Protein backbone atom coordinates (compact mmCIF):
# COMPACT_ATOMS: atom_id res chain seq x y z
CA MET A 1 -15.06 -43.63 -166.74
CA GLU A 2 -17.11 -40.48 -165.63
CA GLY A 3 -19.55 -39.92 -168.60
CA ASP A 4 -17.44 -39.34 -171.70
CA HIS A 5 -14.66 -38.10 -169.59
CA ILE A 6 -11.55 -40.75 -170.04
CA LYS A 7 -8.90 -40.73 -167.71
CA THR A 8 -6.00 -41.90 -169.67
CA LEU A 9 -2.40 -42.86 -168.24
CA ILE A 10 0.42 -42.70 -170.98
CA VAL A 11 3.25 -44.92 -169.56
CA VAL A 12 6.43 -43.71 -171.70
CA SER A 13 9.73 -45.34 -172.00
CA HIS A 14 12.52 -43.70 -173.67
CA PRO A 15 16.06 -43.36 -172.29
CA GLU A 16 16.83 -40.01 -173.84
CA ILE A 17 13.64 -38.36 -173.97
CA SER A 18 14.94 -34.76 -173.74
CA GLY A 19 16.77 -35.37 -177.05
CA SER A 20 13.81 -36.80 -178.90
CA GLN A 21 11.89 -34.47 -181.02
CA THR A 22 9.19 -37.00 -181.60
CA GLN A 23 8.53 -37.55 -177.90
CA GLN A 24 8.76 -34.06 -176.95
CA PHE A 25 6.21 -33.24 -179.94
CA LEU A 26 3.81 -35.87 -178.60
CA LYS A 27 4.39 -34.54 -174.98
CA LYS A 28 3.19 -31.24 -176.02
CA GLY A 29 0.35 -32.54 -177.69
CA SER A 30 -0.94 -34.54 -174.75
CA GLU A 31 -0.92 -31.21 -172.68
CA SER A 32 -4.21 -29.99 -174.33
CA THR A 33 -5.74 -33.35 -172.86
CA ASP A 34 -6.18 -34.49 -169.30
CA ALA A 35 -3.90 -37.53 -169.89
CA ILE A 36 -1.22 -38.31 -167.32
CA TRP A 37 2.25 -38.20 -169.09
CA HIS A 38 4.23 -40.92 -166.98
CA HIS A 39 7.91 -41.11 -168.09
CA ILE A 40 9.41 -44.48 -166.63
CA GLU A 41 13.18 -43.66 -166.97
CA GLY A 42 12.36 -40.17 -165.28
CA LEU A 43 11.43 -41.79 -161.96
CA LYS A 44 14.02 -41.85 -159.18
CA SER A 45 12.76 -45.28 -158.13
CA ILE A 46 9.71 -47.44 -159.15
CA GLU A 47 7.47 -47.45 -156.28
CA VAL A 48 5.24 -50.67 -157.13
CA ASP A 49 2.11 -49.47 -154.93
CA LEU A 50 2.09 -45.82 -156.58
CA GLU A 51 2.38 -47.48 -159.87
CA ARG A 52 -0.31 -49.76 -159.38
CA GLN A 53 -2.61 -47.03 -157.92
CA LEU A 54 -2.04 -45.00 -160.91
CA LEU A 55 -3.06 -47.84 -163.33
CA GLU A 56 -6.09 -48.53 -161.26
CA SER A 57 -7.44 -44.89 -161.64
CA ALA A 58 -6.94 -44.73 -165.42
CA ASP A 59 -9.76 -45.98 -167.74
CA ARG A 60 -7.18 -45.91 -170.78
CA ILE A 61 -3.57 -47.06 -170.28
CA ILE A 62 -1.14 -46.48 -173.16
CA PHE A 63 2.44 -47.87 -173.46
CA GLN A 64 4.25 -45.34 -175.51
CA PHE A 65 8.00 -46.05 -176.83
CA PRO A 66 10.62 -45.96 -179.73
CA LEU A 67 11.06 -49.42 -181.46
CA TYR A 68 14.23 -50.79 -180.24
CA TRP A 69 15.38 -54.01 -182.14
CA TYR A 70 11.52 -55.10 -182.38
CA SER A 71 10.80 -54.19 -178.88
CA ALA A 72 10.62 -51.47 -176.28
CA PRO A 73 13.53 -50.02 -174.46
CA ALA A 74 14.87 -51.71 -171.32
CA GLY A 75 13.24 -49.40 -169.05
CA LEU A 76 9.60 -50.78 -170.15
CA LYS A 77 10.84 -54.32 -169.47
CA GLU A 78 11.94 -53.26 -165.99
CA TRP A 79 9.07 -51.62 -165.05
CA LEU A 80 6.50 -54.33 -166.20
CA ASP A 81 8.50 -57.04 -164.56
CA LYS A 82 8.32 -54.94 -160.87
CA VAL A 83 4.78 -53.59 -161.48
CA MET A 84 2.84 -56.25 -163.44
CA SER A 85 3.23 -59.20 -161.02
CA ARG A 86 1.21 -62.43 -161.79
CA ASN A 87 -1.06 -61.64 -158.69
CA PHE A 88 -1.76 -58.25 -159.67
CA VAL A 89 -2.51 -59.05 -163.17
CA TYR A 90 -4.70 -62.14 -162.60
CA GLY A 91 -3.03 -64.63 -160.08
CA ASP A 92 -4.87 -63.79 -156.90
CA GLY A 93 -8.39 -64.56 -158.45
CA GLN A 94 -8.85 -60.65 -159.48
CA PHE A 95 -8.27 -58.75 -162.50
CA HIS A 96 -7.06 -55.26 -161.34
CA LEU A 97 -6.91 -54.00 -164.98
CA GLU A 98 -10.23 -55.50 -166.03
CA ASP A 99 -12.24 -53.82 -168.74
CA LYS A 100 -9.57 -51.00 -168.92
CA GLU A 101 -8.66 -49.87 -172.45
CA PHE A 102 -5.04 -50.67 -173.52
CA GLY A 103 -3.18 -49.03 -176.57
CA LEU A 104 0.44 -48.87 -177.84
CA VAL A 105 1.92 -45.60 -179.18
CA VAL A 106 5.00 -46.89 -181.27
CA THR A 107 7.56 -44.51 -182.95
CA THR A 108 10.08 -45.73 -185.55
CA GLY A 109 12.70 -44.42 -188.06
CA LEU A 110 11.53 -46.74 -190.76
CA PRO A 111 8.36 -46.07 -192.92
CA GLU A 112 5.44 -48.03 -192.14
CA LYS A 113 5.57 -49.96 -195.47
CA ASP A 114 8.69 -51.70 -194.46
CA PHE A 115 6.60 -53.48 -191.65
CA GLN A 116 4.65 -56.22 -193.98
CA VAL A 117 5.22 -59.51 -195.24
CA GLY A 118 7.64 -58.89 -198.16
CA GLY A 119 8.70 -55.79 -196.95
CA ALA A 120 12.28 -54.89 -195.46
CA GLU A 121 11.34 -56.16 -192.09
CA ASN A 122 9.16 -59.18 -193.39
CA MET A 123 6.78 -58.90 -190.21
CA THR A 124 4.04 -56.60 -189.31
CA LEU A 125 4.28 -54.36 -186.13
CA ASP A 126 1.30 -56.39 -184.83
CA GLN A 127 3.22 -59.61 -184.97
CA LEU A 128 6.58 -58.06 -183.72
CA LEU A 129 4.60 -56.59 -180.73
CA SER A 130 1.99 -59.43 -179.96
CA PRO A 131 3.52 -59.93 -176.37
CA TYR A 132 1.91 -56.74 -175.20
CA ARG A 133 -1.46 -57.77 -176.68
CA ALA A 134 -1.11 -61.15 -175.08
CA PHE A 135 -0.41 -59.20 -171.76
CA ALA A 136 -3.46 -57.18 -172.29
CA SER A 137 -5.79 -60.16 -173.07
CA ARG A 138 -4.51 -61.93 -170.00
CA ALA A 139 -5.53 -59.00 -167.93
CA HIS A 140 -8.90 -58.87 -169.44
CA MET A 141 -8.25 -55.39 -170.86
CA LYS A 142 -9.98 -54.05 -174.08
CA VAL A 143 -7.12 -53.69 -176.79
CA LEU A 144 -7.20 -50.72 -178.98
CA PRO A 145 -5.61 -50.52 -182.52
CA MET A 146 -2.06 -49.62 -182.42
CA PHE A 147 -0.87 -45.90 -183.21
CA LEU A 148 2.19 -45.58 -185.38
CA VAL A 149 4.42 -42.62 -185.66
CA ASP A 150 6.84 -43.27 -188.38
CA GLN A 151 9.72 -41.09 -189.75
CA PHE A 152 8.53 -38.00 -187.72
CA TRP A 153 11.24 -35.74 -189.15
CA TYR A 154 10.22 -36.50 -192.60
CA LYS A 155 6.80 -35.40 -192.07
CA THR A 156 5.71 -31.76 -193.39
CA GLU A 157 4.13 -29.24 -191.28
CA HIS A 158 0.71 -30.06 -192.40
CA GLN A 159 1.35 -33.88 -191.70
CA GLN A 160 2.53 -33.09 -188.14
CA MET A 161 -0.36 -31.01 -187.46
CA GLN A 162 -2.54 -33.93 -188.55
CA LEU A 163 -0.55 -36.43 -186.60
CA LEU A 164 -1.01 -33.97 -183.50
CA ILE A 165 -4.77 -34.23 -183.89
CA ASP A 166 -4.94 -38.05 -184.49
CA TYR A 167 -2.62 -38.27 -181.39
CA GLN A 168 -5.00 -36.28 -179.35
CA ARG A 169 -7.95 -38.21 -180.32
CA TYR A 170 -5.99 -41.43 -179.81
CA ILE A 171 -5.38 -40.66 -176.11
CA SER A 172 -8.68 -38.92 -175.16
CA GLN A 173 -11.51 -39.60 -177.68
CA LYS A 174 -14.06 -42.58 -177.19
CA PHE A 175 -13.61 -45.75 -178.93
CA PRO A 176 -14.59 -47.11 -181.53
CA ASP A 177 -13.20 -44.34 -184.07
CA SER A 178 -16.79 -43.85 -185.34
CA LEU A 179 -18.05 -40.71 -187.02
CA LYS A 180 -20.27 -39.94 -184.09
CA ASN A 181 -17.36 -40.30 -181.59
CA ARG A 182 -15.21 -38.24 -183.91
CA GLN A 183 -17.97 -35.39 -184.19
CA SER A 184 -18.13 -35.38 -180.42
CA TRP A 185 -14.63 -35.05 -179.77
CA PHE A 186 -14.10 -32.35 -182.36
CA SER A 187 -17.16 -30.41 -180.87
CA GLU A 188 -15.92 -30.68 -177.40
CA HIS A 189 -12.37 -29.34 -178.12
CA LEU A 190 -13.76 -26.89 -180.24
CA ALA A 191 -15.77 -25.44 -177.68
CA LYS A 192 -12.94 -25.54 -175.41
CA PHE A 193 -10.57 -23.49 -177.90
CA VAL A 194 -13.67 -20.75 -178.36
CA GLU A 195 -13.83 -20.41 -174.64
CA GLY A 196 -10.16 -19.44 -174.46
CA LEU A 197 -10.19 -16.64 -177.14
CA ASN A 198 -10.04 -13.17 -176.17
CA LYS A 199 -13.22 -11.05 -176.40
CA ASN A 200 -12.75 -9.83 -179.89
CA GLU A 201 -12.05 -13.26 -181.39
CA LYS A 202 -15.05 -14.81 -179.59
CA PRO A 203 -17.89 -13.62 -181.94
CA THR A 204 -15.87 -15.34 -184.67
CA GLY A 205 -15.20 -18.44 -182.71
CA ASN A 206 -18.79 -18.95 -181.74
CA LEU A 207 -19.84 -18.56 -185.46
CA ILE A 208 -17.59 -21.41 -186.29
CA LEU A 209 -18.59 -23.45 -183.27
CA ASP A 210 -22.32 -23.01 -184.46
CA THR A 211 -21.74 -23.88 -187.94
CA PHE A 212 -19.85 -26.98 -187.09
CA GLN A 213 -22.85 -28.08 -184.71
CA GLN A 214 -25.52 -27.31 -187.67
CA GLN A 215 -23.36 -29.61 -189.96
CA ILE A 216 -23.55 -32.12 -187.33
CA ASP A 217 -27.37 -31.97 -186.88
CA ASP A 218 -27.67 -31.89 -190.73
CA LEU A 219 -25.73 -34.89 -191.14
CA ASP A 220 -27.68 -36.69 -188.37
CA GLN A 221 -30.89 -35.78 -190.13
CA LEU A 222 -29.57 -37.17 -193.27
CA ASN A 223 -28.60 -40.45 -191.67
CA ASP A 224 -31.90 -40.92 -189.94
CA THR A 225 -33.68 -40.18 -193.43
CA LEU A 226 -31.53 -42.71 -195.09
CA GLN A 227 -32.16 -45.28 -192.51
CA MET A 228 -35.92 -44.61 -192.86
CA ILE A 229 -35.50 -45.29 -196.71
CA LYS A 230 -33.54 -48.52 -195.88
CA GLU A 231 -36.10 -49.98 -193.58
CA GLY A 232 -38.69 -49.24 -196.35
CA GLU A 233 -36.65 -51.15 -199.04
CA ASP A 234 -36.40 -54.24 -196.53
CA ASP A 235 -40.17 -54.13 -195.96
CA ASN A 236 -40.55 -54.08 -199.87
CA LEU A 237 -38.59 -57.02 -200.12
CA GLU A 238 -40.58 -59.37 -197.56
């Protein structure tokens, strides 16, 4: 990982991806980041060595798929069986994926509330997809929180835009999802957006960017002040 730049590989499994409005939306969202979109079913064949090179070159590896009967499509299972041999994952005394970040992006037509004890499915998604977390743990990877996209076609335009930003942060923002890391991500992407504006729009864009940065500086100063007050109170309690 060079500085804060994260190399993300999105391993996508969907047998009919061209007909999936959700996946096409997410693919478009990934294009504004440096993430590699890697569609398994779109491969002519699974070249194991090439797949492993892709995995080893990434800092963050994400499995992305629709939920098919409480698991991923068959394409991901076939890819895993061929690429993730025991020797590659851990069996030769080396952990080729060690310290890489691992995430899941799961899409479902059911609402999130159904996936809980007492809900329609009576199990959480974490429980249903625990084999993937077990794999990542065995490989000595750093497991990220799951990213769920539920009932995409029912979302309003505003909800879809929020989903787009959250997805872009999930694949490219530094974890943990702290306020500081969010601020850094938004600042970087806002700067890129302003850079792409035409000559007439740039003054307004730069003003917005400067205002945003000033708000971050003000918040940092406030946090420093609050920390000093807290330390003073702790000293008085001794």
